[in-house]
Amino acid sequence: TAVLAELIPSAQTGDWADWLARLQRLEQEWFAPLL
């Protein structure tokens, strides 16, 4: 089990452009390799 908490700061501050960028990075580093 891995906790990936990098979306918390951008969501807490409402910086949704940063949230999108961070989720895109999770796509490359986590979701695509796991798929």
Full PDB file with SEQRES, HELIX, SHEET, SSBOND, CRYST1, ORIGX, SCALE, CONECT and MASTER records, all heavy atoms in Angstrom:
SEQRES   1 A   35  THR ALA VAL LEU ALA GLU LEU ILE PRO SER ALA GLN THR          
SEQRES   2 A   35  GLY ASP TRP ALA ASP TRP LEU ALA ARG LEU GLN ARG LEU          
SEQRES   3 A   35  GLU GLN GLU TRP PHE ALA PRO LEU LEU                          
HELIX    1 AA1 ILE A    8  THR A   13  1                                   6    
HELIX    2 AA2 TRP A   16  LEU A   26  1                                  11    
HELIX    3 AA3 GLU A   27  PHE A   31  3                                   5    
HELIX    4 AA4 ALA A   32  LEU A   34  1                                   3    
CRYST1    1.000    1.000    1.000  90.00  90.00  90.00 P 1           1          
ORIGX1      1.000000  0.000000  0.000000        0.00000                         
ORIGX2      0.000000  1.000000  0.000000        0.00000                         
ORIGX3      0.000000  0.000000  1.000000        0.00000                         
SCALE1      1.000000  0.000000  0.000000        0.00000                         
SCALE2      0.000000  1.000000  0.000000        0.00000                         
SCALE3      0.000000  0.000000  1.000000        0.00000                         
ATOM      1  N   THR A   1       0.861  -1.194   0.000  1.00  0.00           N  
ATOM      2  CA  THR A   1       0.000   0.000   0.000  1.00  0.00           C  
ATOM      3  C   THR A   1       0.882   1.223   0.000  1.00  0.00           C  
ATOM      4  O   THR A   1       1.765   1.362   0.843  1.00  0.00           O  
ATOM      5  CB  THR A   1      -0.900   0.022   1.253  1.00  0.00           C  
ATOM      6  OG1 THR A   1      -1.751  -1.128   1.240  1.00  0.00           O  
ATOM      7  CG2 THR A   1      -1.762   1.278   1.273  1.00  0.00           C  
ATOM      8  N   ALA A   2       0.654   2.125  -0.949  1.00  0.00           N  
ATOM      9  CA  ALA A   2       1.449   3.349  -1.064  1.00  0.00           C  
ATOM     10  C   ALA A   2       0.535   4.564  -0.992  1.00  0.00           C  
ATOM     11  O   ALA A   2      -0.510   4.608  -1.657  1.00  0.00           O  
ATOM     12  CB  ALA A   2       2.231   3.375  -2.380  1.00  0.00           C  
ATOM     13  N   VAL A   3       0.920   5.534  -0.174  1.00  0.00           N  
ATOM     14  CA  VAL A   3       0.185   6.793  -0.054  1.00  0.00           C  
ATOM     15  C   VAL A   3       0.894   7.833  -0.907  1.00  0.00           C  
ATOM     16  O   VAL A   3       2.061   8.148  -0.676  1.00  0.00           O  
ATOM     17  CB  VAL A   3       0.118   7.267   1.404  1.00  0.00           C  
ATOM     18  CG1 VAL A   3      -0.748   8.521   1.508  1.00  0.00           C  
ATOM     19  CG2 VAL A   3      -0.429   6.172   2.306  1.00  0.00           C  
ATOM     20  N   LEU A   4       0.190   8.354  -1.892  1.00  0.00           N  
ATOM     21  CA  LEU A   4       0.724   9.400  -2.763  1.00  0.00           C  
ATOM     22  C   LEU A   4      -0.056  10.677  -2.460  1.00  0.00           C  
ATOM     23  O   LEU A   4      -1.183  10.858  -2.911  1.00  0.00           O  
ATOM     24  CB  LEU A   4       0.569   9.004  -4.237  1.00  0.00           C  
ATOM     25  CG  LEU A   4       1.112   7.612  -4.610  1.00  0.00           C  
ATOM     26  CD1 LEU A   4       0.892   7.331  -6.093  1.00  0.00           C  
ATOM     27  CD2 LEU A   4       2.585   7.491  -4.258  1.00  0.00           C  
ATOM     28  N   ALA A   5       0.560  11.549  -1.674  1.00  0.00           N  
ATOM     29  CA  ALA A   5      -0.165  12.693  -1.103  1.00  0.00           C  
ATOM     30  C   ALA A   5       0.083  13.992  -1.839  1.00  0.00           C  
ATOM     31  O   ALA A   5      -0.280  15.055  -1.352  1.00  0.00           O  
ATOM     32  CB  ALA A   5       0.219  12.853   0.368  1.00  0.00           C  
ATOM     33  N   GLU A   6       0.671  13.946  -3.021  1.00  0.00           N  
ATOM     34  CA  GLU A   6       1.106  15.189  -3.637  1.00  0.00           C  
ATOM     35  C   GLU A   6      -0.036  16.068  -4.136  1.00  0.00           C  
ATOM     36  O   GLU A   6       0.173  17.241  -4.467  1.00  0.00           O  
ATOM     37  CB  GLU A   6       2.068  14.905  -4.789  1.00  0.00           C  
ATOM     38  CG  GLU A   6       1.511  14.123  -5.951  1.00  0.00           C  
ATOM     39  CD  GLU A   6       2.598  13.909  -7.002  1.00  0.00           C  
ATOM     40  OE1 GLU A   6       2.749  14.782  -7.874  1.00  0.00           O  
ATOM     41  OE2 GLU A   6       3.293  12.893  -6.935  1.00  0.00           O  
ATOM     42  N   LEU A   7      -1.264  15.547  -4.178  1.00  0.00           N  
ATOM     43  CA  LEU A   7      -2.394  16.377  -4.605  1.00  0.00           C  
ATOM     44  C   LEU A   7      -2.959  17.221  -3.469  1.00  0.00           C  
ATOM     45  O   LEU A   7      -3.733  18.147  -3.718  1.00  0.00           O  
ATOM     46  CB  LEU A   7      -3.505  15.488  -5.172  1.00  0.00           C  
ATOM     47  CG  LEU A   7      -3.161  14.668  -6.422  1.00  0.00           C  
ATOM     48  CD1 LEU A   7      -4.306  13.737  -6.770  1.00  0.00           C  
ATOM     49  CD2 LEU A   7      -2.837  15.581  -7.598  1.00  0.00           C  
ATOM     50  N   ILE A   8      -2.590  16.895  -2.228  1.00  0.00           N  
ATOM     51  CA  ILE A   8      -3.197  17.590  -1.085  1.00  0.00           C  
ATOM     52  C   ILE A   8      -2.919  19.090  -1.101  1.00  0.00           C  
ATOM     53  O   ILE A   8      -3.863  19.893  -0.982  1.00  0.00           O  
ATOM     54  CB  ILE A   8      -2.731  16.979   0.252  1.00  0.00           C  
ATOM     55  CG1 ILE A   8      -3.154  15.519   0.363  1.00  0.00           C  
ATOM     56  CG2 ILE A   8      -3.305  17.769   1.431  1.00  0.00           C  
ATOM     57  CD1 ILE A   8      -2.672  14.828   1.634  1.00  0.00           C  
ATOM     58  N   PRO A   9      -1.661  19.544  -1.249  1.00  0.00           N  
ATOM     59  CA  PRO A   9      -1.422  20.995  -1.158  1.00  0.00           C  
ATOM     60  C   PRO A   9      -2.185  21.813  -2.191  1.00  0.00           C  
ATOM     61  O   PRO A   9      -2.746  22.867  -1.866  1.00  0.00           O  
ATOM     62  CB  PRO A   9       0.097  21.102  -1.372  1.00  0.00           C  
ATOM     63  CG  PRO A   9       0.635  19.777  -0.973  1.00  0.00           C  
ATOM     64  CD  PRO A   9      -0.409  18.788  -1.386  1.00  0.00           C  
ATOM     65  N   SER A  10      -2.221  21.346  -3.438  1.00  0.00           N  
ATOM     66  CA  SER A  10      -2.913  22.124  -4.471  1.00  0.00           C  
ATOM     67  C   SER A  10      -4.418  22.114  -4.248  1.00  0.00           C  
ATOM     68  O   SER A  10      -5.100  23.123  -4.487  1.00  0.00           O  
ATOM     69  CB  SER A  10      -2.561  21.594  -5.861  1.00  0.00           C  
ATOM     70  OG  SER A  10      -2.763  20.203  -5.947  1.00  0.00           O  
ATOM     71  N   ALA A  11      -4.972  20.993  -3.762  1.00  0.00           N  
ATOM     72  CA  ALA A  11      -6.409  20.950  -3.487  1.00  0.00           C  
ATOM     73  C   ALA A  11      -6.765  21.828  -2.304  1.00  0.00           C  
ATOM     74  O   ALA A  11      -7.798  22.517  -2.305  1.00  0.00           O  
ATOM     75  CB  ALA A  11      -6.850  19.513  -3.235  1.00  0.00           C  
ATOM     76  N   GLN A  12      -5.927  21.839  -1.260  1.00  0.00           N  
ATOM     77  CA  GLN A  12      -6.199  22.649  -0.076  1.00  0.00           C  
ATOM     78  C   GLN A  12      -6.223  24.134  -0.419  1.00  0.00           C  
ATOM     79  O   GLN A  12      -6.993  24.906   0.152  1.00  0.00           O  
ATOM     80  CB  GLN A  12      -5.139  22.383   1.008  1.00  0.00           C  
ATOM     81  CG  GLN A  12      -5.226  21.006   1.653  1.00  0.00           C  
ATOM     82  CD  GLN A  12      -6.287  20.937   2.748  1.00  0.00           C  
ATOM     83  OE1 GLN A  12      -7.400  21.399   2.563  1.00  0.00           O  
ATOM     84  NE2 GLN A  12      -5.945  20.353   3.872  1.00  0.00           N  
ATOM     85  N   THR A  13      -5.349  24.556  -1.323  1.00  0.00           N  
ATOM     86  CA  THR A  13      -5.279  25.978  -1.678  1.00  0.00           C  
ATOM     87  C   THR A  13      -6.150  26.325  -2.883  1.00  0.00           C  
ATOM     88  O   THR A  13      -6.234  27.492  -3.268  1.00  0.00           O  
ATOM     89  CB  THR A  13      -3.829  26.378  -1.983  1.00  0.00           C  
ATOM     90  OG1 THR A  13      -3.312  25.565  -3.049  1.00  0.00           O  
ATOM     91  CG2 THR A  13      -2.947  26.192  -0.751  1.00  0.00           C  
ATOM     92  N   GLY A  14      -6.785  25.329  -3.501  1.00  0.00           N  
ATOM     93  CA  GLY A  14      -7.633  25.588  -4.656  1.00  0.00           C  
ATOM     94  C   GLY A  14      -6.862  25.928  -5.909  1.00  0.00           C  
ATOM     95  O   GLY A  14      -7.390  26.568  -6.817  1.00  0.00           O  
ATOM     96  N   ASP A  15      -5.610  25.467  -5.999  1.00  0.00           N  
ATOM     97  CA  ASP A  15      -4.800  25.696  -7.194  1.00  0.00           C  
ATOM     98  C   ASP A  15      -5.034  24.534  -8.154  1.00  0.00           C  
ATOM     99  O   ASP A  15      -4.261  23.573  -8.218  1.00  0.00           O  
ATOM    100  CB  ASP A  15      -3.320  25.803  -6.811  1.00  0.00           C  
ATOM    101  CG  ASP A  15      -2.439  26.206  -7.980  1.00  0.00           C  
ATOM    102  OD1 ASP A  15      -2.911  26.149  -9.130  1.00  0.00           O  
ATOM    103  OD2 ASP A  15      -1.266  26.575  -7.747  1.00  0.00           O  
ATOM    104  N   TRP A  16      -6.090  24.625  -8.957  1.00  0.00           N  
ATOM    105  CA  TRP A  16      -6.499  23.487  -9.769  1.00  0.00           C  
ATOM    106  C   TRP A  16      -5.629  23.297 -10.994  1.00  0.00           C  
ATOM    107  O   TRP A  16      -5.552  22.184 -11.534  1.00  0.00           O  
ATOM    108  CB  TRP A  16      -7.971  23.616 -10.120  1.00  0.00           C  
ATOM    109  CG  TRP A  16      -8.796  23.627  -8.873  1.00  0.00           C  
ATOM    110  CD1 TRP A  16      -9.501  24.659  -8.346  1.00  0.00           C  
ATOM    111  CD2 TRP A  16      -8.928  22.537  -7.936  1.00  0.00           C  
ATOM    112  NE1 TRP A  16     -10.073  24.304  -7.149  1.00  0.00           N  
ATOM    113  CE2 TRP A  16      -9.738  23.004  -6.872  1.00  0.00           C  
ATOM    114  CE3 TRP A  16      -8.450  21.232  -7.893  1.00  0.00           C  
ATOM    115  CZ2 TRP A  16     -10.075  22.200  -5.784  1.00  0.00           C  
ATOM    116  CZ3 TRP A  16      -8.782  20.434  -6.811  1.00  0.00           C  
ATOM    117  CH2 TRP A  16      -9.591  20.921  -5.774  1.00  0.00           C  
ATOM    118  N   ALA A  17      -4.949  24.333 -11.432  1.00  0.00           N  
ATOM    119  CA  ALA A  17      -3.972  24.150 -12.515  1.00  0.00           C  
ATOM    120  C   ALA A  17      -2.824  23.269 -12.026  1.00  0.00           C  
ATOM    121  O   ALA A  17      -2.362  22.362 -12.739  1.00  0.00           O  
ATOM    122  CB  ALA A  17      -3.449  25.501 -12.994  1.00  0.00           C  
ATOM    123  N   ASP A  18      -2.363  23.514 -10.808  1.00  0.00           N  
ATOM    124  CA  ASP A  18      -1.314  22.690 -10.223  1.00  0.00           C  
ATOM    125  C   ASP A  18      -1.826  21.281  -9.964  1.00  0.00           C  
ATOM    126  O   ASP A  18      -1.097  20.293 -10.156  1.00  0.00           O  
ATOM    127  CB  ASP A  18      -0.812  23.334  -8.931  1.00  0.00           C  
ATOM    128  CG  ASP A  18       0.380  22.606  -8.332  1.00  0.00           C  
ATOM    129  OD1 ASP A  18       1.411  22.525  -9.005  1.00  0.00           O  
ATOM    130  OD2 ASP A  18       0.275  22.115  -7.188  1.00  0.00           O  
ATOM    131  N   TRP A  19      -3.066  21.157  -9.519  1.00  0.00           N  
ATOM    132  CA  TRP A  19      -3.673  19.839  -9.300  1.00  0.00           C  
ATOM    133  C   TRP A  19      -3.665  19.030 -10.586  1.00  0.00           C  
ATOM    134  O   TRP A  19      -3.306  17.829 -10.585  1.00  0.00           O  
ATOM    135  CB  TRP A  19      -5.094  20.023  -8.775  1.00  0.00           C  
ATOM    136  CG  TRP A  19      -5.845  18.781  -8.429  1.00  0.00           C  
ATOM    137  CD1 TRP A  19      -5.858  18.132  -7.231  1.00  0.00           C  
ATOM    138  CD2 TRP A  19      -6.727  18.035  -9.287  1.00  0.00           C  
ATOM    139  NE1 TRP A  19      -6.689  17.033  -7.285  1.00  0.00           N  
ATOM    140  CE2 TRP A  19      -7.227  16.949  -8.533  1.00  0.00           C  
ATOM    141  CE3 TRP A  19      -7.131  18.195 -10.614  1.00  0.00           C  
ATOM    142  CZ2 TRP A  19      -8.118  16.022  -9.067  1.00  0.00           C  
ATOM    143  CZ3 TRP A  19      -8.010  17.255 -11.154  1.00  0.00           C  
ATOM    144  CH2 TRP A  19      -8.504  16.193 -10.385  1.00  0.00           C  
ATOM    145  N   LEU A  20      -4.043  19.653 -11.695  1.00  0.00           N  
ATOM    146  CA  LEU A  20      -4.048  18.960 -12.982  1.00  0.00           C  
ATOM    147  C   LEU A  20      -2.640  18.516 -13.373  1.00  0.00           C  
ATOM    148  O   LEU A  20      -2.431  17.384 -13.829  1.00  0.00           O  
ATOM    149  CB  LEU A  20      -4.626  19.867 -14.072  1.00  0.00           C  
ATOM    150  CG  LEU A  20      -6.145  20.106 -14.027  1.00  0.00           C  
ATOM    151  CD1 LEU A  20      -6.529  21.240 -14.960  1.00  0.00           C  
ATOM    152  CD2 LEU A  20      -6.895  18.825 -14.401  1.00  0.00           C  
ATOM    153  N   ALA A  21      -1.668  19.408 -13.167  1.00  0.00           N  
ATOM    154  CA  ALA A  21      -0.286  19.077 -13.524  1.00  0.00           C  
ATOM    155  C   ALA A  21       0.226  17.914 -12.687  1.00  0.00           C  
ATOM    156  O   ALA A  21       0.916  17.015 -13.199  1.00  0.00           O  
ATOM    157  CB  ALA A  21       0.607  20.304 -13.345  1.00  0.00           C  
ATOM    158  N   ARG A  22      -0.098  17.915 -11.414  1.00  0.00           N  
ATOM    159  CA  ARG A  22       0.354  16.837 -10.537  1.00  0.00           C  
ATOM    160  C   ARG A  22      -0.313  15.506 -10.900  1.00  0.00           C  
ATOM    161  O   ARG A  22       0.324  14.442 -10.859  1.00  0.00           O  
ATOM    162  CB  ARG A  22       0.064  17.191  -9.077  1.00  0.00           C  
ATOM    163  CG  ARG A  22       0.970  18.284  -8.515  1.00  0.00           C  
ATOM    164  CD  ARG A  22       0.486  18.756  -7.149  1.00  0.00           C  
ATOM    165  NE  ARG A  22       1.343  19.796  -6.599  1.00  0.00           N  
ATOM    166  CZ  ARG A  22       2.290  19.581  -5.686  1.00  0.00           C  
ATOM    167  NH1 ARG A  22       2.498  18.355  -5.221  1.00  0.00           N  
ATOM    168  NH2 ARG A  22       3.039  20.563  -5.224  1.00  0.00           N  
ATOM    169  N   LEU A  23      -1.594  15.550 -11.250  1.00  0.00           N  
ATOM    170  CA  LEU A  23      -2.279  14.317 -11.619  1.00  0.00           C  
ATOM    171  C   LEU A  23      -1.731  13.776 -12.940  1.00  0.00           C  
ATOM    172  O   LEU A  23      -1.633  12.557 -13.130  1.00  0.00           O  
ATOM    173  CB  LEU A  23      -3.784  14.559 -11.705  1.00  0.00           C  
ATOM    174  CG  LEU A  23      -4.684  13.319 -11.666  1.00  0.00           C  
ATOM    175  CD1 LEU A  23      -4.363  12.441 -10.456  1.00  0.00           C  
ATOM    176  CD2 LEU A  23      -6.146  13.707 -11.637  1.00  0.00           C  
ATOM    177  N   GLN A  24      -1.364  14.674 -13.847  1.00  0.00           N  
ATOM    178  CA  GLN A  24      -0.737  14.230 -15.096  1.00  0.00           C  
ATOM    179  C   GLN A  24       0.591  13.531 -14.801  1.00  0.00           C  
ATOM    180  O   GLN A  24       0.948  12.544 -15.451  1.00  0.00           O  
ATOM    181  CB  GLN A  24      -0.515  15.420 -16.027  1.00  0.00           C  
ATOM    182  CG  GLN A  24      -1.772  16.068 -16.564  1.00  0.00           C  
ATOM    183  CD  GLN A  24      -2.545  15.197 -17.552  1.00  0.00           C  
ATOM    184  OE1 GLN A  24      -3.721  15.403 -17.820  1.00  0.00           O  
ATOM    185  NE2 GLN A  24      -1.885  14.180 -18.096  1.00  0.00           N  
ATOM    186  N   ARG A  25       1.336  14.038 -13.818  1.00  0.00           N  
ATOM    187  CA  ARG A  25       2.600  13.407 -13.452  1.00  0.00           C  
ATOM    188  C   ARG A  25       2.353  12.021 -12.847  1.00  0.00           C  
ATOM    189  O   ARG A  25       3.100  11.070 -13.124  1.00  0.00           O  
ATOM    190  CB  ARG A  25       3.362  14.290 -12.471  1.00  0.00           C  
ATOM    191  CG  ARG A  25       4.763  13.785 -12.161  1.00  0.00           C  
ATOM    192  CD  ARG A  25       5.656  14.859 -11.583  1.00  0.00           C  
ATOM    193  NE  ARG A  25       5.202  15.333 -10.289  1.00  0.00           N  
ATOM    194  CZ  ARG A  25       4.772  16.567 -10.066  1.00  0.00           C  
ATOM    195  NH1 ARG A  25       4.728  17.463 -11.065  1.00  0.00           N  
ATOM    196  NH2 ARG A  25       4.389  16.941  -8.856  1.00  0.00           N  
ATOM    197  N   LEU A  26       1.302  11.896 -12.037  1.00  0.00           N  
ATOM    198  CA  LEU A  26       0.954  10.584 -11.493  1.00  0.00           C  
ATOM    199  C   LEU A  26       0.591   9.614 -12.620  1.00  0.00           C  
ATOM    200  O   LEU A  26       0.884   8.411 -12.528  1.00  0.00           O  
ATOM    201  CB  LEU A  26      -0.213  10.707 -10.516  1.00  0.00           C  
ATOM    202  CG  LEU A  26       0.085  11.404  -9.181  1.00  0.00           C  
ATOM    203  CD1 LEU A  26      -1.204  11.613  -8.391  1.00  0.00           C  
ATOM    204  CD2 LEU A  26       1.075  10.596  -8.354  1.00  0.00           C  
ATOM    205  N   GLU A  27      -0.029  10.116 -13.661  1.00  0.00           N  
ATOM    206  CA  GLU A  27      -0.348   9.271 -14.820  1.00  0.00           C  
ATOM    207  C   GLU A  27       0.916   8.651 -15.404  1.00  0.00           C  
ATOM    208  O   GLU A  27       0.975   7.439 -15.668  1.00  0.00           O  
ATOM    209  CB  GLU A  27      -1.064  10.112 -15.884  1.00  0.00           C  
ATOM    210  CG  GLU A  27      -1.159   9.492 -17.272  1.00  0.00           C  
ATOM    211  CD  GLU A  27      -2.236   8.430 -17.397  1.00  0.00           C  
ATOM    212  OE1 GLU A  27      -3.027   8.266 -16.438  1.00  0.00           O  
ATOM    213  OE2 GLU A  27      -2.306   7.772 -18.447  1.00  0.00           O  
ATOM    214  N   GLN A  28       1.953   9.477 -15.587  1.00  0.00           N  
ATOM    215  CA  GLN A  28       3.188   8.987 -16.203  1.00  0.00           C  
ATOM    216  C   GLN A  28       3.974   8.081 -15.265  1.00  0.00           C  
ATOM    217  O   GLN A  28       4.522   7.054 -15.695  1.00  0.00           O  
ATOM    218  CB  GLN A  28       4.052  10.183 -16.631  1.00  0.00           C  
ATOM    219  CG  GLN A  28       3.393  11.094 -17.650  1.00  0.00           C  
ATOM    220  CD  GLN A  28       3.001  10.363 -18.924  1.00  0.00           C  
ATOM    221  OE1 GLN A  28       3.772   9.564 -19.440  1.00  0.00           O  
ATOM    222  NE2 GLN A  28       1.802  10.622 -19.413  1.00  0.00           N  
ATOM    223  N   GLU A  29       4.043   8.462 -13.987  1.00  0.00           N  
ATOM    224  CA  GLU A  29       4.924   7.759 -13.058  1.00  0.00           C  
ATOM    225  C   GLU A  29       4.270   6.563 -12.381  1.00  0.00           C  
ATOM    226  O   GLU A  29       4.975   5.647 -11.929  1.00  0.00           O  
ATOM    227  CB  GLU A  29       5.424   8.739 -11.990  1.00  0.00           C  
ATOM    228  CG  GLU A  29       6.282   9.866 -12.565  1.00  0.00           C  
ATOM    229  CD  GLU A  29       6.706  10.870 -11.512  1.00  0.00           C  
ATOM    230  OE1 GLU A  29       6.317  10.688 -10.327  1.00  0.00           O  
ATOM    231  OE2 GLU A  29       7.403  11.838 -11.855  1.00  0.00           O  
ATOM    232  N   TRP A  30       2.937   6.532 -12.330  1.00  0.00           N  
ATOM    233  CA  TRP A  30       2.250   5.484 -11.579  1.00  0.00           C  
ATOM    234  C   TRP A  30       1.188   4.741 -12.380  1.00  0.00           C  
ATOM    235  O   TRP A  30       1.237   3.516 -12.488  1.00  0.00           O  
ATOM    236  CB  TRP A  30       1.622   6.077 -10.309  1.00  0.00           C  
ATOM    237  CG  TRP A  30       2.639   6.410  -9.271  1.00  0.00           C  
ATOM    238  CD1 TRP A  30       3.284   7.593  -9.080  1.00  0.00           C  
ATOM    239  CD2 TRP A  30       3.182   5.512  -8.292  1.00  0.00           C  
ATOM    240  NE1 TRP A  30       4.175   7.506  -8.041  1.00  0.00           N  
ATOM    241  CE2 TRP A  30       4.139   6.248  -7.535  1.00  0.00           C  
ATOM    242  CE3 TRP A  30       2.948   4.179  -7.969  1.00  0.00           C  
ATOM    243  CZ2 TRP A  30       4.847   5.664  -6.484  1.00  0.00           C  
ATOM    244  CZ3 TRP A  30       3.652   3.597  -6.923  1.00  0.00           C  
ATOM    245  CH2 TRP A  30       4.591   4.343  -6.200  1.00  0.00           C  
ATOM    246  N   PHE A  31       0.214   5.455 -12.913  1.00  0.00           N  
ATOM    247  CA  PHE A  31      -0.918   4.777 -13.534  1.00  0.00           C  
ATOM    248  C   PHE A  31      -0.510   3.995 -14.777  1.00  0.00           C  
ATOM    249  O   PHE A  31      -0.909   2.830 -14.949  1.00  0.00           O  
ATOM    250  CB  PHE A  31      -2.032   5.773 -13.866  1.00  0.00           C  
ATOM    251  CG  PHE A  31      -2.486   6.603 -12.692  1.00  0.00           C  
ATOM    252  CD1 PHE A  31      -2.824   7.944 -12.848  1.00  0.00           C  
ATOM    253  CD2 PHE A  31      -2.563   6.058 -11.423  1.00  0.00           C  
ATOM    254  CE1 PHE A  31      -3.234   8.715 -11.779  1.00  0.00           C  
ATOM    255  CE2 PHE A  31      -2.972   6.815 -10.332  1.00  0.00           C  
ATOM    256  CZ  PHE A  31      -3.303   8.147 -10.519  1.00  0.00           C  
ATOM    257  N   ALA A  32       0.275   4.606 -15.667  1.00  0.00           N  
ATOM    258  CA  ALA A  32       0.693   3.912 -16.888  1.00  0.00           C  
ATOM    259  C   ALA A  32       1.554   2.679 -16.589  1.00  0.00           C  
ATOM    260  O   ALA A  32       1.287   1.592 -17.126  1.00  0.00           O  
ATOM    261  CB  ALA A  32       1.419   4.878 -17.823  1.00  0.00           C  
ATOM    262  N   PRO A  33       2.587   2.794 -15.734  1.00  0.00           N  
ATOM    263  CA  PRO A  33       3.366   1.578 -15.413  1.00  0.00           C  
ATOM    264  C   PRO A  33       2.548   0.494 -14.724  1.00  0.00           C  
ATOM    265  O   PRO A  33       2.742  -0.700 -14.993  1.00  0.00           O  
ATOM    266  CB  PRO A  33       4.473   2.110 -14.488  1.00  0.00           C  
ATOM    267  CG  PRO A  33       4.573   3.567 -14.787  1.00  0.00           C  
ATOM    268  CD  PRO A  33       3.190   3.999 -15.142  1.00  0.00           C  
ATOM    269  N   LEU A  34       1.646   0.877 -13.836  1.00  0.00           N  
ATOM    270  CA  LEU A  34       0.833  -0.136 -13.158  1.00  0.00           C  
ATOM    271  C   LEU A  34      -0.155  -0.802 -14.117  1.00  0.00           C  
ATOM    272  O   LEU A  34      -0.401  -2.004 -14.022  1.00  0.00           O  
ATOM    273  CB  LEU A  34       0.077   0.491 -11.983  1.00  0.00           C  
ATOM    274  CG  LEU A  34       0.890   0.704 -10.711  1.00  0.00           C  
ATOM    275  CD1 LEU A  34       0.058   1.402  -9.651  1.00  0.00           C  
ATOM    276  CD2 LEU A  34       1.416  -0.631 -10.171  1.00  0.00           C  
ATOM    277  N   LEU A  35      -0.703  -0.038 -15.045  1.00  0.00           N  
ATOM    278  CA  LEU A  35      -1.600  -0.624 -16.038  1.00  0.00           C  
ATOM    279  C   LEU A  35      -0.845  -1.638 -16.892  1.00  0.00           C  
ATOM    280  O   LEU A  35      -1.347  -2.740 -17.160  1.00  0.00           O  
ATOM    281  CB  LEU A  35      -2.209   0.469 -16.914  1.00  0.00           C  
ATOM    282  CG  LEU A  35      -3.129  -0.022 -18.031  1.00  0.00           C  
ATOM    283  CD1 LEU A  35      -4.356  -0.731 -17.448  1.00  0.00           C  
ATOM    284  CD2 LEU A  35      -3.562   1.151 -18.924  1.00  0.00           C  
TER     285      LEU A  35                                                      
MASTER        0    0    0    4    0    0    0    6  284    1    0    3          
END                                                                             
